[in-house]
Amino acid sequence: MGEQTRIIRRPEQLSTGRTDSEIRQACASGNWSRIHRGAYVPSDHLSRLDAYGLHRLRVEAVAGTASAHAAVSHISAAVVHGFELWNTPLEVVHLSRDRRGGGRKSARRHVHSVSFTDDEVTHVDGLRVTTPARTVADLARTLPFEPALVVGNSALHRSALTKDAVAASLALSPNHPRHRHALHALTAMDSRIESVGESRSLALFLQEHLPLPEPQVEIHDARGLAGRVDFLWREQRTIGEFDGRIKYGRLVPAGRSAEDVLWDEKLREDRLRDAGWKVARWTWADLSTPSLVAGRILAAFARSRGAVQLLIAGFHSSSVAMPGGVNPSTCP
């Protein structure tokens, strides 16, 4: 961490001549905020952190006073590795110790007593942390399906992690009571998924028993690349697009406005529709009503089938022979 985020530790302050009374006064005046026993940060910095950043700071504070044999794990390891999370509480810092018993949980710290090997521990920014594979395996076992899918997809997309590596980590504890739950989540994970919203969309497709689409596909037309789409149902000639505000924020280049980007997106979609694709869109808020999103996708499937049937009917009613003996029923 940089100088701005450096944790102020009580032993260091006492060694420079500051007293406990002065430390208490710094906190009482609002200049410092306590984030862990004997660990403080400037309050003005703390106010600028989101929940994710605050958790990352608390991880460093807690790990600094933990046993040398402990490793940052579970949700806390995911934060240290920079993996995205969704609907996952961040109030508690998680550590793991390789021992049979002695696990402890308080309001701010959870020490897990679990078995792990030296190969399942790495170092990040001076912190002893479970590897990406072990971290995803732990969270696949402990989180509900949707949050587990979010963090797993993020890890696969943002790092060199593979599903085989996660499977190997899970295989070390085949008798874990949630082993099958973890395997179910792992099976659904996909490194091509690029955002939390897309991961939640994938979970929705599974929940609503929709055909699984191909993520992040480039569509070409007669002029070349028409666009890169979030999801493609090739057989149904349907494109699925998750519209997140963050997505459009990332796409705004210097010197242009969000309105410019939205206009470009409209032109892109018109081009995709002209190429014969049906488009279904949904937003972050729509994900809270899975049946609504599923209905839009199924409606797009139906429009696509209707367009094909009209095309076939037109061929049958025409006196012009199909070139090359093409069967109209196979036309897209």
C-alpha atoms as a PDB file:
ATOM      1  CA  MET A   1       0.000   0.000   0.000  1.00  0.00           C
ATOM      2  CA  GLY A   2       1.093   3.547  -0.640  1.00  0.00           C
ATOM      3  CA  GLU A   3       1.867   6.190   1.944  1.00  0.00           C
ATOM      4  CA  GLN A   4      -1.694   7.454   1.861  1.00  0.00           C
ATOM      5  CA  THR A   5      -3.080   4.134   3.054  1.00  0.00           C
ATOM      6  CA  ARG A   6      -0.345   3.223   5.537  1.00  0.00           C
ATOM      7  CA  ILE A   7      -1.728   1.740   8.723  1.00  0.00           C
ATOM      8  CA  ILE A   8      -0.717   3.509  11.939  1.00  0.00           C
ATOM      9  CA  ARG A   9       0.187   0.817  14.466  1.00  0.00           C
ATOM     10  CA  ARG A  10       0.241   1.334  18.223  1.00  0.00           C
ATOM     11  CA  PRO A  11       3.651  -0.325  18.888  1.00  0.00           C
ATOM     12  CA  GLU A  12       5.305   1.896  16.288  1.00  0.00           C
ATOM     13  CA  GLN A  13       3.737   4.999  17.804  1.00  0.00           C
ATOM     14  CA  LEU A  14       4.795   4.049  21.337  1.00  0.00           C
ATOM     15  CA  SER A  15       8.332   3.419  20.120  1.00  0.00           C
ATOM     16  CA  THR A  16       8.528   7.028  18.864  1.00  0.00           C
ATOM     17  CA  GLY A  17       7.440   8.457  22.230  1.00  0.00           C
ATOM     18  CA  ARG A  18       3.713   8.870  21.623  1.00  0.00           C
ATOM     19  CA  THR A  19       1.540   7.761  24.561  1.00  0.00           C
ATOM     20  CA  ASP A  20      -1.696   5.759  24.672  1.00  0.00           C
ATOM     21  CA  SER A  21      -3.405   8.914  25.910  1.00  0.00           C
ATOM     22  CA  GLU A  22      -2.314  10.761  22.790  1.00  0.00           C
ATOM     23  CA  ILE A  23      -3.510   7.891  20.594  1.00  0.00           C
ATOM     24  CA  ARG A  24      -6.922   7.988  22.311  1.00  0.00           C
ATOM     25  CA  GLN A  25      -7.044  11.745  21.809  1.00  0.00           C
ATOM     26  CA  ALA A  26      -6.293  11.373  18.073  1.00  0.00           C
ATOM     27  CA  CYS A  27      -9.252   8.997  17.799  1.00  0.00           C
ATOM     28  CA  ALA A  28     -11.554  11.119  19.986  1.00  0.00           C
ATOM     29  CA  SER A  29     -10.818  14.194  17.886  1.00  0.00           C
ATOM     30  CA  GLY A  30     -11.754  12.327  14.711  1.00  0.00           C
ATOM     31  CA  ASN A  31      -8.289  12.544  13.169  1.00  0.00           C
ATOM     32  CA  TRP A  32      -7.722   8.795  13.384  1.00  0.00           C
ATOM     33  CA  SER A  33     -10.108   5.865  13.070  1.00  0.00           C
ATOM     34  CA  ARG A  34      -9.499   2.477  14.647  1.00  0.00           C
ATOM     35  CA  ILE A  35      -9.832  -0.403  12.174  1.00  0.00           C
ATOM     36  CA  HIS A  36      -8.469  -3.189  14.391  1.00  0.00           C
ATOM     37  CA  ARG A  37      -6.945  -3.617  17.796  1.00  0.00           C
ATOM     38  CA  GLY A  38      -3.878  -1.366  17.846  1.00  0.00           C
ATOM     39  CA  ALA A  39      -4.327  -0.323  14.182  1.00  0.00           C
ATOM     40  CA  TYR A  40      -5.507   3.082  12.957  1.00  0.00           C
ATOM     41  CA  VAL A  41      -5.778   5.093   9.733  1.00  0.00           C
ATOM     42  CA  PRO A  42      -6.424   8.789   9.062  1.00  0.00           C
ATOM     43  CA  SER A  43     -10.185   9.315   9.158  1.00  0.00           C
ATOM     44  CA  ASP A  44     -10.256  11.448   6.022  1.00  0.00           C
ATOM     45  CA  HIS A  45      -8.777   8.549   4.062  1.00  0.00           C
ATOM     46  CA  LEU A  46     -11.225   6.050   5.545  1.00  0.00           C
ATOM     47  CA  SER A  47     -14.181   8.135   4.406  1.00  0.00           C
ATOM     48  CA  ARG A  48     -13.082   7.765   0.775  1.00  0.00           C
ATOM     49  CA  LEU A  49     -13.038   3.964   0.804  1.00  0.00           C
ATOM     50  CA  ASP A  50     -15.861   1.719  -0.377  1.00  0.00           C
ATOM     51  CA  ALA A  51     -16.663  -1.538   1.430  1.00  0.00           C
ATOM     52  CA  TYR A  52     -14.185  -3.453  -0.738  1.00  0.00           C
ATOM     53  CA  GLY A  53     -11.348  -1.017  -0.049  1.00  0.00           C
ATOM     54  CA  LEU A  54     -12.136  -0.914   3.672  1.00  0.00           C
ATOM     55  CA  HIS A  55     -12.034  -4.700   3.847  1.00  0.00           C
ATOM     56  CA  ARG A  56      -8.660  -4.757   2.072  1.00  0.00           C
ATOM     57  CA  LEU A  57      -7.307  -2.343   4.672  1.00  0.00           C
ATOM     58  CA  ARG A  58      -8.691  -4.392   7.561  1.00  0.00           C
ATOM     59  CA  VAL A  59      -7.141  -7.542   6.091  1.00  0.00           C
ATOM     60  CA  GLU A  60      -3.716  -5.929   6.342  1.00  0.00           C
ATOM     61  CA  ALA A  61      -4.419  -4.765   9.883  1.00  0.00           C
ATOM     62  CA  VAL A  62      -5.647  -8.171  11.073  1.00  0.00           C
ATOM     63  CA  ALA A  63      -2.959 -10.175   9.264  1.00  0.00           C
ATOM     64  CA  GLY A  64      -0.294  -7.988  10.863  1.00  0.00           C
ATOM     65  CA  THR A  65      -1.220  -9.294  14.312  1.00  0.00           C
ATOM     66  CA  ALA A  66      -2.090 -12.892  13.347  1.00  0.00           C
ATOM     67  CA  SER A  67       0.005 -16.022  13.749  1.00  0.00           C
ATOM     68  CA  ALA A  68       2.788 -16.472  11.230  1.00  0.00           C
ATOM     69  CA  HIS A  69       1.140 -19.796  10.307  1.00  0.00           C
ATOM     70  CA  ALA A  70      -2.178 -18.162   9.387  1.00  0.00           C
ATOM     71  CA  ALA A  71      -3.135 -17.370   5.805  1.00  0.00           C
ATOM     72  CA  VAL A  72      -5.665 -14.817   4.586  1.00  0.00           C
ATOM     73  CA  SER A  73      -8.454 -16.913   3.070  1.00  0.00           C
ATOM     74  CA  HIS A  74     -11.998 -17.148   1.743  1.00  0.00           C
ATOM     75  CA  ILE A  75     -13.624 -13.756   1.016  1.00  0.00           C
ATOM     76  CA  SER A  76     -10.604 -11.850   2.314  1.00  0.00           C
ATOM     77  CA  ALA A  77      -8.272 -13.729  -0.029  1.00  0.00           C
ATOM     78  CA  ALA A  78     -10.576 -12.924  -2.937  1.00  0.00           C
ATOM     79  CA  VAL A  79     -10.320  -9.223  -2.069  1.00  0.00           C
ATOM     80  CA  VAL A  80      -6.518  -9.389  -1.840  1.00  0.00           C
ATOM     81  CA  HIS A  81      -6.335 -11.154  -5.209  1.00  0.00           C
ATOM     82  CA  GLY A  82      -8.596  -8.473  -6.729  1.00  0.00           C
ATOM     83  CA  PHE A  83     -11.502 -10.780  -7.608  1.00  0.00           C
ATOM     84  CA  GLU A  84     -14.986  -9.327  -7.906  1.00  0.00           C
ATOM     85  CA  LEU A  85     -17.640 -10.206  -5.328  1.00  0.00           C
ATOM     86  CA  TRP A  86     -21.388  -9.850  -5.214  1.00  0.00           C
ATOM     87  CA  ASN A  87     -23.841 -10.055  -2.304  1.00  0.00           C
ATOM     88  CA  THR A  88     -21.010 -11.176  -0.055  1.00  0.00           C
ATOM     89  CA  PRO A  89     -20.650  -9.676   3.447  1.00  0.00           C
ATOM     90  CA  LEU A  90     -17.342  -7.891   4.006  1.00  0.00           C
ATOM     91  CA  GLU A  91     -17.545  -7.084   7.710  1.00  0.00           C
ATOM     92  CA  VAL A  92     -15.411 -10.059   8.820  1.00  0.00           C
ATOM     93  CA  VAL A  93     -11.765 -10.730   7.912  1.00  0.00           C
ATOM     94  CA  HIS A  94     -11.132 -14.427   7.193  1.00  0.00           C
ATOM     95  CA  LEU A  95      -7.958 -16.319   8.088  1.00  0.00           C
ATOM     96  CA  SER A  96      -7.167 -20.048   7.925  1.00  0.00           C
ATOM     97  CA  ARG A  97      -4.927 -22.173  10.132  1.00  0.00           C
ATOM     98  CA  ASP A  98      -3.793 -25.664   9.130  1.00  0.00           C
ATOM     99  CA  ARG A  99      -5.012 -27.513  12.215  1.00  0.00           C
ATOM    100  CA  ARG A 100      -7.870 -29.730  13.334  1.00  0.00           C
ATOM    101  CA  GLY A 101      -9.491 -27.446  15.869  1.00  0.00           C
ATOM    102  CA  GLY A 102      -9.322 -24.044  17.477  1.00  0.00           C
ATOM    103  CA  GLY A 103     -11.361 -22.054  14.984  1.00  0.00           C
ATOM    104  CA  ARG A 104     -12.656 -18.783  16.340  1.00  0.00           C
ATOM    105  CA  LYS A 105     -15.134 -16.178  15.172  1.00  0.00           C
ATOM    106  CA  SER A 106     -15.708 -12.656  16.437  1.00  0.00           C
ATOM    107  CA  ALA A 107     -17.505  -9.612  15.082  1.00  0.00           C
ATOM    108  CA  ARG A 108     -14.516  -8.680  12.887  1.00  0.00           C
ATOM    109  CA  ARG A 109     -12.417 -11.840  12.479  1.00  0.00           C
ATOM    110  CA  HIS A 110     -13.071 -15.465  11.552  1.00  0.00           C
ATOM    111  CA  VAL A 111     -10.214 -17.956  11.964  1.00  0.00           C
ATOM    112  CA  HIS A 112     -10.958 -21.208  10.125  1.00  0.00           C
ATOM    113  CA  SER A 113      -9.324 -24.458  11.222  1.00  0.00           C
ATOM    114  CA  VAL A 114      -8.887 -26.332   7.961  1.00  0.00           C
ATOM    115  CA  SER A 115      -6.365 -28.515   6.209  1.00  0.00           C
ATOM    116  CA  PHE A 116      -4.243 -26.929   3.491  1.00  0.00           C
ATOM    117  CA  THR A 117      -0.784 -27.495   2.028  1.00  0.00           C
ATOM    118  CA  ASP A 118       2.125 -25.112   1.517  1.00  0.00           C
ATOM    119  CA  ASP A 119       1.387 -25.265  -2.219  1.00  0.00           C
ATOM    120  CA  GLU A 120      -2.020 -23.699  -1.518  1.00  0.00           C
ATOM    121  CA  VAL A 121      -0.489 -20.553  -0.028  1.00  0.00           C
ATOM    122  CA  THR A 122       1.145 -17.660  -1.852  1.00  0.00           C
ATOM    123  CA  HIS A 123       2.240 -14.111  -1.002  1.00  0.00           C
ATOM    124  CA  VAL A 124       0.598 -10.904  -2.246  1.00  0.00           C
ATOM    125  CA  ASP A 125       1.887  -7.479  -1.165  1.00  0.00           C
ATOM    126  CA  GLY A 126       3.640  -9.103   1.776  1.00  0.00           C
ATOM    127  CA  LEU A 127       0.520 -10.962   2.914  1.00  0.00           C
ATOM    128  CA  ARG A 128       0.344 -14.751   3.277  1.00  0.00           C
ATOM    129  CA  VAL A 129      -2.754 -15.640   1.228  1.00  0.00           C
ATOM    130  CA  THR A 130      -4.419 -18.787  -0.087  1.00  0.00           C
ATOM    131  CA  THR A 131      -3.788 -19.276  -3.806  1.00  0.00           C
ATOM    132  CA  PRO A 132      -6.454 -18.313  -6.354  1.00  0.00           C
ATOM    133  CA  ALA A 133      -7.341 -22.004  -6.819  1.00  0.00           C
ATOM    134  CA  ARG A 134      -7.754 -22.647  -3.105  1.00  0.00           C
ATOM    135  CA  THR A 135      -9.605 -19.346  -2.627  1.00  0.00           C
ATOM    136  CA  VAL A 136     -12.167 -20.175  -5.325  1.00  0.00           C
ATOM    137  CA  ALA A 137     -12.496 -23.729  -3.987  1.00  0.00           C
ATOM    138  CA  ASP A 138     -13.159 -22.421  -0.460  1.00  0.00           C
ATOM    139  CA  LEU A 139     -15.771 -19.951  -1.692  1.00  0.00           C
ATOM    140  CA  ALA A 140     -17.418 -22.513  -3.988  1.00  0.00           C
ATOM    141  CA  ARG A 141     -17.936 -24.626  -0.869  1.00  0.00           C
ATOM    142  CA  THR A 142     -19.138 -21.843   1.423  1.00  0.00           C
ATOM    143  CA  LEU A 143     -21.036 -19.279  -0.682  1.00  0.00           C
ATOM    144  CA  PRO A 144     -24.453 -19.708  -2.300  1.00  0.00           C
ATOM    145  CA  PHE A 145     -24.356 -20.651  -5.978  1.00  0.00           C
ATOM    146  CA  GLU A 146     -24.719 -17.170  -7.507  1.00  0.00           C
ATOM    147  CA  PRO A 147     -22.032 -15.371  -5.425  1.00  0.00           C
ATOM    148  CA  ALA A 148     -19.738 -18.388  -5.884  1.00  0.00           C
ATOM    149  CA  LEU A 149     -20.203 -18.178  -9.644  1.00  0.00           C
ATOM    150  CA  VAL A 150     -19.434 -14.440  -9.610  1.00  0.00           C
ATOM    151  CA  VAL A 151     -16.115 -14.798  -7.781  1.00  0.00           C
ATOM    152  CA  GLY A 152     -15.143 -17.919  -9.728  1.00  0.00           C
ATOM    153  CA  ASN A 153     -15.746 -16.298 -13.108  1.00  0.00           C
ATOM    154  CA  SER A 154     -13.862 -13.194 -12.015  1.00  0.00           C
ATOM    155  CA  ALA A 155     -10.885 -15.267 -10.884  1.00  0.00           C
ATOM    156  CA  LEU A 156     -10.806 -17.248 -14.119  1.00  0.00           C
ATOM    157  CA  HIS A 157     -11.096 -14.110 -16.246  1.00  0.00           C
ATOM    158  CA  ARG A 158      -8.674 -11.885 -14.325  1.00  0.00           C
ATOM    159  CA  SER A 159      -5.873 -14.353 -13.606  1.00  0.00           C
ATOM    160  CA  ALA A 160      -4.129 -17.399 -15.024  1.00  0.00           C
ATOM    161  CA  LEU A 161      -6.347 -19.654 -12.916  1.00  0.00           C
ATOM    162  CA  THR A 162      -7.925 -22.669 -14.640  1.00  0.00           C
ATOM    163  CA  LYS A 163     -10.952 -24.761 -13.759  1.00  0.00           C
ATOM    164  CA  ASP A 164      -8.677 -27.793 -13.569  1.00  0.00           C
ATOM    165  CA  ALA A 165      -6.674 -26.097 -10.809  1.00  0.00           C
ATOM    166  CA  VAL A 166      -9.836 -25.404  -8.810  1.00  0.00           C
ATOM    167  CA  ALA A 167     -10.998 -28.989  -9.359  1.00  0.00           C
ATOM    168  CA  ALA A 168      -7.650 -30.270  -8.081  1.00  0.00           C
ATOM    169  CA  SER A 169      -8.013 -28.170  -4.929  1.00  0.00           C
ATOM    170  CA  LEU A 170     -11.550 -29.429  -4.357  1.00  0.00           C
ATOM    171  CA  ALA A 171     -10.371 -33.008  -4.859  1.00  0.00           C
ATOM    172  CA  LEU A 172      -8.144 -32.697  -1.776  1.00  0.00           C
ATOM    173  CA  SER A 173     -11.278 -32.651   0.414  1.00  0.00           C
ATOM    174  CA  PRO A 174     -13.800 -34.940  -1.330  1.00  0.00           C
ATOM    175  CA  ASN A 175     -15.697 -35.599   1.910  1.00  0.00           C
ATOM    176  CA  HIS A 176     -16.473 -31.952   2.581  1.00  0.00           C
ATOM    177  CA  PRO A 177     -20.244 -31.699   3.225  1.00  0.00           C
ATOM    178  CA  ARG A 178     -20.625 -29.131   0.430  1.00  0.00           C
ATOM    179  CA  HIS A 179     -18.342 -30.824  -2.071  1.00  0.00           C
ATOM    180  CA  ARG A 180     -21.143 -31.489  -4.576  1.00  0.00           C
ATOM    181  CA  HIS A 181     -22.386 -27.916  -4.223  1.00  0.00           C
ATOM    182  CA  ALA A 182     -18.874 -26.682  -5.050  1.00  0.00           C
ATOM    183  CA  LEU A 183     -18.605 -28.970  -8.086  1.00  0.00           C
ATOM    184  CA  HIS A 184     -21.948 -27.659  -9.360  1.00  0.00           C
ATOM    185  CA  ALA A 185     -20.661 -24.081  -9.137  1.00  0.00           C
ATOM    186  CA  LEU A 186     -17.338 -25.017 -10.742  1.00  0.00           C
ATOM    187  CA  THR A 187     -19.071 -26.713 -13.679  1.00  0.00           C
ATOM    188  CA  ALA A 188     -20.939 -23.486 -14.454  1.00  0.00           C
ATOM    189  CA  MET A 189     -17.885 -21.193 -14.235  1.00  0.00           C
ATOM    190  CA  ASP A 190     -16.625 -19.668 -17.474  1.00  0.00           C
ATOM    191  CA  SER A 191     -13.469 -17.602 -17.966  1.00  0.00           C
ATOM    192  CA  ARG A 192     -15.091 -15.702 -20.853  1.00  0.00           C
ATOM    193  CA  ILE A 193     -17.556 -13.978 -18.529  1.00  0.00           C
ATOM    194  CA  GLU A 194     -16.275 -10.432 -17.955  1.00  0.00           C
ATOM    195  CA  SER A 195     -18.430  -8.816 -15.269  1.00  0.00           C
ATOM    196  CA  VAL A 196     -20.566  -9.401 -12.211  1.00  0.00           C
ATOM    197  CA  GLY A 197     -23.717  -8.648 -14.202  1.00  0.00           C
ATOM    198  CA  GLU A 198     -22.803 -11.212 -16.838  1.00  0.00           C
ATOM    199  CA  SER A 199     -22.084 -13.819 -14.133  1.00  0.00           C
ATOM    200  CA  ARG A 200     -25.466 -13.149 -12.546  1.00  0.00           C
ATOM    201  CA  SER A 201     -27.029 -13.440 -15.998  1.00  0.00           C
ATOM    202  CA  LEU A 202     -25.410 -16.848 -16.434  1.00  0.00           C
ATOM    203  CA  ALA A 203     -26.822 -17.948 -13.087  1.00  0.00           C
ATOM    204  CA  LEU A 204     -30.228 -16.732 -14.241  1.00  0.00           C
ATOM    205  CA  PHE A 205     -30.044 -18.767 -17.470  1.00  0.00           C
ATOM    206  CA  LEU A 206     -29.369 -21.885 -15.409  1.00  0.00           C
ATOM    207  CA  GLN A 207     -32.111 -21.085 -12.896  1.00  0.00           C
ATOM    208  CA  GLU A 208     -34.665 -20.498 -15.638  1.00  0.00           C
ATOM    209  CA  HIS A 209     -33.551 -23.600 -17.599  1.00  0.00           C
ATOM    210  CA  LEU A 210     -32.688 -21.585 -20.708  1.00  0.00           C
ATOM    211  CA  PRO A 211     -30.278 -22.902 -23.334  1.00  0.00           C
ATOM    212  CA  LEU A 212     -26.758 -21.809 -22.432  1.00  0.00           C
ATOM    213  CA  PRO A 213     -25.383 -19.174 -24.824  1.00  0.00           C
ATOM    214  CA  GLU A 214     -21.821 -18.531 -25.964  1.00  0.00           C
ATOM    215  CA  PRO A 215     -20.312 -15.564 -24.079  1.00  0.00           C
ATOM    216  CA  GLN A 216     -18.374 -12.735 -25.741  1.00  0.00           C
ATOM    217  CA  VAL A 217     -18.789 -13.557 -29.423  1.00  0.00           C
ATOM    218  CA  GLU A 218     -17.794 -11.407 -32.400  1.00  0.00           C
ATOM    219  CA  ILE A 219     -20.535 -11.041 -35.021  1.00  0.00           C
ATOM    220  CA  HIS A 220     -19.612 -10.293 -38.628  1.00  0.00           C
ATOM    221  CA  ASP A 221     -21.718  -9.127 -41.533  1.00  0.00           C
ATOM    222  CA  ALA A 222     -20.962  -8.251 -45.162  1.00  0.00           C
ATOM    223  CA  ARG A 223     -19.055  -5.129 -44.044  1.00  0.00           C
ATOM    224  CA  GLY A 224     -16.912  -6.960 -41.495  1.00  0.00           C
ATOM    225  CA  LEU A 225     -17.099  -6.888 -37.704  1.00  0.00           C
ATOM    226  CA  ALA A 226     -20.576  -5.757 -36.677  1.00  0.00           C
ATOM    227  CA  GLY A 227     -20.008  -6.051 -32.950  1.00  0.00           C
ATOM    228  CA  ARG A 228     -18.918  -8.110 -29.971  1.00  0.00           C
ATOM    229  CA  VAL A 229     -21.908  -9.312 -27.986  1.00  0.00           C
ATOM    230  CA  ASP A 230     -22.270 -10.457 -24.384  1.00  0.00           C
ATOM    231  CA  PHE A 231     -24.204 -13.640 -25.181  1.00  0.00           C
ATOM    232  CA  LEU A 232     -25.087 -15.472 -28.372  1.00  0.00           C
ATOM    233  CA  TRP A 233     -27.716 -18.149 -28.866  1.00  0.00           C
ATOM    234  CA  ARG A 234     -26.506 -19.230 -32.286  1.00  0.00           C
ATOM    235  CA  GLU A 235     -29.224 -21.789 -33.005  1.00  0.00           C
ATOM    236  CA  GLN A 236     -31.964 -19.347 -32.016  1.00  0.00           C
ATOM    237  CA  ARG A 237     -30.327 -16.456 -33.959  1.00  0.00           C
ATOM    238  CA  THR A 238     -30.563 -14.361 -30.783  1.00  0.00           C
ATOM    239  CA  ILE A 239     -28.171 -11.988 -29.054  1.00  0.00           C
ATOM    240  CA  GLY A 240     -28.339 -11.243 -25.323  1.00  0.00           C
ATOM    241  CA  GLU A 241     -26.959  -7.975 -23.959  1.00  0.00           C
ATOM    242  CA  PHE A 242     -26.529  -7.079 -20.288  1.00  0.00           C
ATOM    243  CA  ASP A 243     -26.713  -3.295 -19.955  1.00  0.00           C
ATOM    244  CA  GLY A 244     -24.752  -2.172 -16.908  1.00  0.00           C
ATOM    245  CA  ARG A 245     -24.025   1.477 -16.203  1.00  0.00           C
ATOM    246  CA  ILE A 246     -20.420   0.600 -15.377  1.00  0.00           C
ATOM    247  CA  LYS A 247     -20.142  -1.054 -18.775  1.00  0.00           C
ATOM    248  CA  TYR A 248     -20.994   2.196 -20.543  1.00  0.00           C
ATOM    249  CA  GLY A 249     -18.790   4.195 -18.199  1.00  0.00           C
ATOM    250  CA  ARG A 250     -15.792   2.097 -19.255  1.00  0.00           C
ATOM    251  CA  LEU A 251     -16.597   2.618 -22.925  1.00  0.00           C
ATOM    252  CA  VAL A 252     -16.565   6.424 -22.876  1.00  0.00           C
ATOM    253  CA  PRO A 253     -13.278   7.522 -24.493  1.00  0.00           C
ATOM    254  CA  ALA A 254     -11.604  10.858 -23.870  1.00  0.00           C
ATOM    255  CA  GLY A 255     -13.343  13.699 -25.639  1.00  0.00           C
ATOM    256  CA  ARG A 256     -16.685  11.912 -25.986  1.00  0.00           C
ATOM    257  CA  SER A 257     -19.829  11.780 -23.869  1.00  0.00           C
ATOM    258  CA  ALA A 258     -21.999   8.964 -22.587  1.00  0.00           C
ATOM    259  CA  GLU A 259     -24.650  10.092 -25.110  1.00  0.00           C
ATOM    260  CA  ASP A 260     -22.144   9.493 -27.918  1.00  0.00           C
ATOM    261  CA  VAL A 261     -21.525   5.980 -26.662  1.00  0.00           C
ATOM    262  CA  LEU A 262     -25.246   5.243 -26.400  1.00  0.00           C
ATOM    263  CA  TRP A 263     -25.786   6.478 -29.959  1.00  0.00           C
ATOM    264  CA  ASP A 264     -22.965   4.262 -31.208  1.00  0.00           C
ATOM    265  CA  GLU A 265     -24.564   1.358 -29.352  1.00  0.00           C
ATOM    266  CA  LYS A 266     -27.876   2.026 -31.111  1.00  0.00           C
ATOM    267  CA  LEU A 267     -26.156   2.011 -34.514  1.00  0.00           C
ATOM    268  CA  ARG A 268     -24.354  -1.198 -33.571  1.00  0.00           C
ATOM    269  CA  GLU A 269     -27.608  -2.883 -32.576  1.00  0.00           C
ATOM    270  CA  ASP A 270     -29.330  -1.723 -35.779  1.00  0.00           C
ATOM    271  CA  ARG A 271     -26.529  -3.320 -37.754  1.00  0.00           C
ATOM    272  CA  LEU A 272     -26.863  -6.589 -35.835  1.00  0.00           C
ATOM    273  CA  ARG A 273     -30.616  -6.634 -36.411  1.00  0.00           C
ATOM    274  CA  ASP A 274     -30.101  -5.914 -40.109  1.00  0.00           C
ATOM    275  CA  ALA A 275     -27.857  -8.989 -40.208  1.00  0.00           C
ATOM    276  CA  GLY A 276     -30.814 -11.101 -39.094  1.00  0.00           C
ATOM    277  CA  TRP A 277     -30.186 -11.339 -35.350  1.00  0.00           C
ATOM    278  CA  LYS A 278     -32.840 -10.750 -32.697  1.00  0.00           C
ATOM    279  CA  VAL A 279     -31.694  -8.855 -29.602  1.00  0.00           C
ATOM    280  CA  ALA A 280     -32.806  -9.220 -25.984  1.00  0.00           C
ATOM    281  CA  ARG A 281     -31.586  -6.686 -23.413  1.00  0.00           C
ATOM    282  CA  TRP A 282     -31.775  -6.512 -19.642  1.00  0.00           C
ATOM    283  CA  THR A 283     -30.394  -4.313 -16.878  1.00  0.00           C
ATOM    284  CA  TRP A 284     -29.008  -4.830 -13.382  1.00  0.00           C
ATOM    285  CA  ALA A 285     -32.436  -4.101 -11.896  1.00  0.00           C
ATOM    286  CA  ASP A 286     -34.051  -6.661 -14.218  1.00  0.00           C
ATOM    287  CA  LEU A 287     -31.871  -9.424 -12.784  1.00  0.00           C
ATOM    288  CA  SER A 288     -33.944  -9.238  -9.589  1.00  0.00           C
ATOM    289  CA  THR A 289     -36.882 -10.607 -11.617  1.00  0.00           C
ATOM    290  CA  PRO A 290     -35.488 -13.646 -13.436  1.00  0.00           C
ATOM    291  CA  SER A 291     -38.795 -14.488 -15.096  1.00  0.00           C
ATOM    292  CA  LEU A 292     -38.824 -11.033 -16.728  1.00  0.00           C
ATOM    293  CA  VAL A 293     -35.399 -11.550 -18.297  1.00  0.00           C
ATOM    294  CA  ALA A 294     -36.245 -15.101 -19.323  1.00  0.00           C
ATOM    295  CA  GLY A 295     -39.449 -13.847 -20.926  1.00  0.00           C
ATOM    296  CA  ARG A 296     -37.556 -11.308 -23.030  1.00  0.00           C
ATOM    297  CA  ILE A 297     -35.110 -13.944 -24.210  1.00  0.00           C
ATOM    298  CA  LEU A 298     -37.848 -16.439 -25.043  1.00  0.00           C
ATOM    299  CA  ALA A 299     -39.758 -13.709 -26.883  1.00  0.00           C
ATOM    300  CA  ALA A 300     -36.647 -13.028 -28.969  1.00  0.00           C
ATOM    301  CA  PHE A 301     -36.413 -16.764 -29.715  1.00  0.00           C
ATOM    302  CA  ALA A 302     -40.041 -16.689 -30.873  1.00  0.00           C
ATOM    303  CA  ARG A 303     -39.465 -13.654 -33.095  1.00  0.00           C
ATOM    304  CA  SER A 304     -36.513 -15.445 -34.645  1.00  0.00           C
ATOM    305  CA  ARG A 305     -38.577 -18.579 -35.323  1.00  0.00           C
ATOM    306  CA  GLY A 306     -41.306 -16.428 -36.833  1.00  0.00           C
ATOM    307  CA  ALA A 307     -38.835 -14.709 -39.131  1.00  0.00           C
ATOM    308  CA  VAL A 308     -37.480 -18.073 -40.287  1.00  0.00           C
ATOM    309  CA  GLN A 309     -40.990 -19.402 -40.936  1.00  0.00           C
ATOM    310  CA  LEU A 310     -41.828 -16.314 -42.993  1.00  0.00           C
ATOM    311  CA  LEU A 311     -38.626 -16.781 -44.960  1.00  0.00           C
ATOM    312  CA  ILE A 312     -39.417 -20.420 -45.640  1.00  0.00           C
ATOM    313  CA  ALA A 313     -42.976 -19.573 -46.640  1.00  0.00           C
ATOM    314  CA  GLY A 314     -41.623 -16.977 -49.045  1.00  0.00           C
ATOM    315  CA  PHE A 315     -39.312 -19.503 -50.626  1.00  0.00           C
ATOM    316  CA  HIS A 316     -42.123 -22.036 -51.021  1.00  0.00           C
ATOM    317  CA  SER A 317     -44.417 -19.495 -52.666  1.00  0.00           C
ATOM    318  CA  SER A 318     -41.726 -18.302 -55.074  1.00  0.00           C
ATOM    319  CA  SER A 319     -41.310 -19.798 -58.512  1.00  0.00           C
ATOM    320  CA  VAL A 320     -37.541 -19.150 -58.321  1.00  0.00           C
ATOM    321  CA  ALA A 321     -35.578 -22.331 -57.730  1.00  0.00           C
ATOM    322  CA  MET A 322     -33.211 -22.431 -54.761  1.00  0.00           C
ATOM    323  CA  PRO A 323     -29.603 -22.445 -55.941  1.00  0.00           C
ATOM    324  CA  GLY A 324     -27.557 -25.552 -55.381  1.00  0.00           C
ATOM    325  CA  GLY A 325     -30.506 -27.604 -54.184  1.00  0.00           C
ATOM    326  CA  VAL A 326     -30.625 -25.852 -50.812  1.00  0.00           C
ATOM    327  CA  ASN A 327     -33.412 -27.012 -48.534  1.00  0.00           C
ATOM    328  CA  PRO A 328     -35.278 -23.874 -47.290  1.00  0.00           C
ATOM    329  CA  SER A 329     -35.882 -25.495 -43.925  1.00  0.00           C
ATOM    330  CA  THR A 330     -32.157 -25.295 -43.189  1.00  0.00           C
ATOM    331  CA  CYS A 331     -31.837 -21.570 -43.917  1.00  0.00           C
ATOM    332  CA  PRO A 332     -31.008 -19.361 -40.928  1.00  0.00           C
END
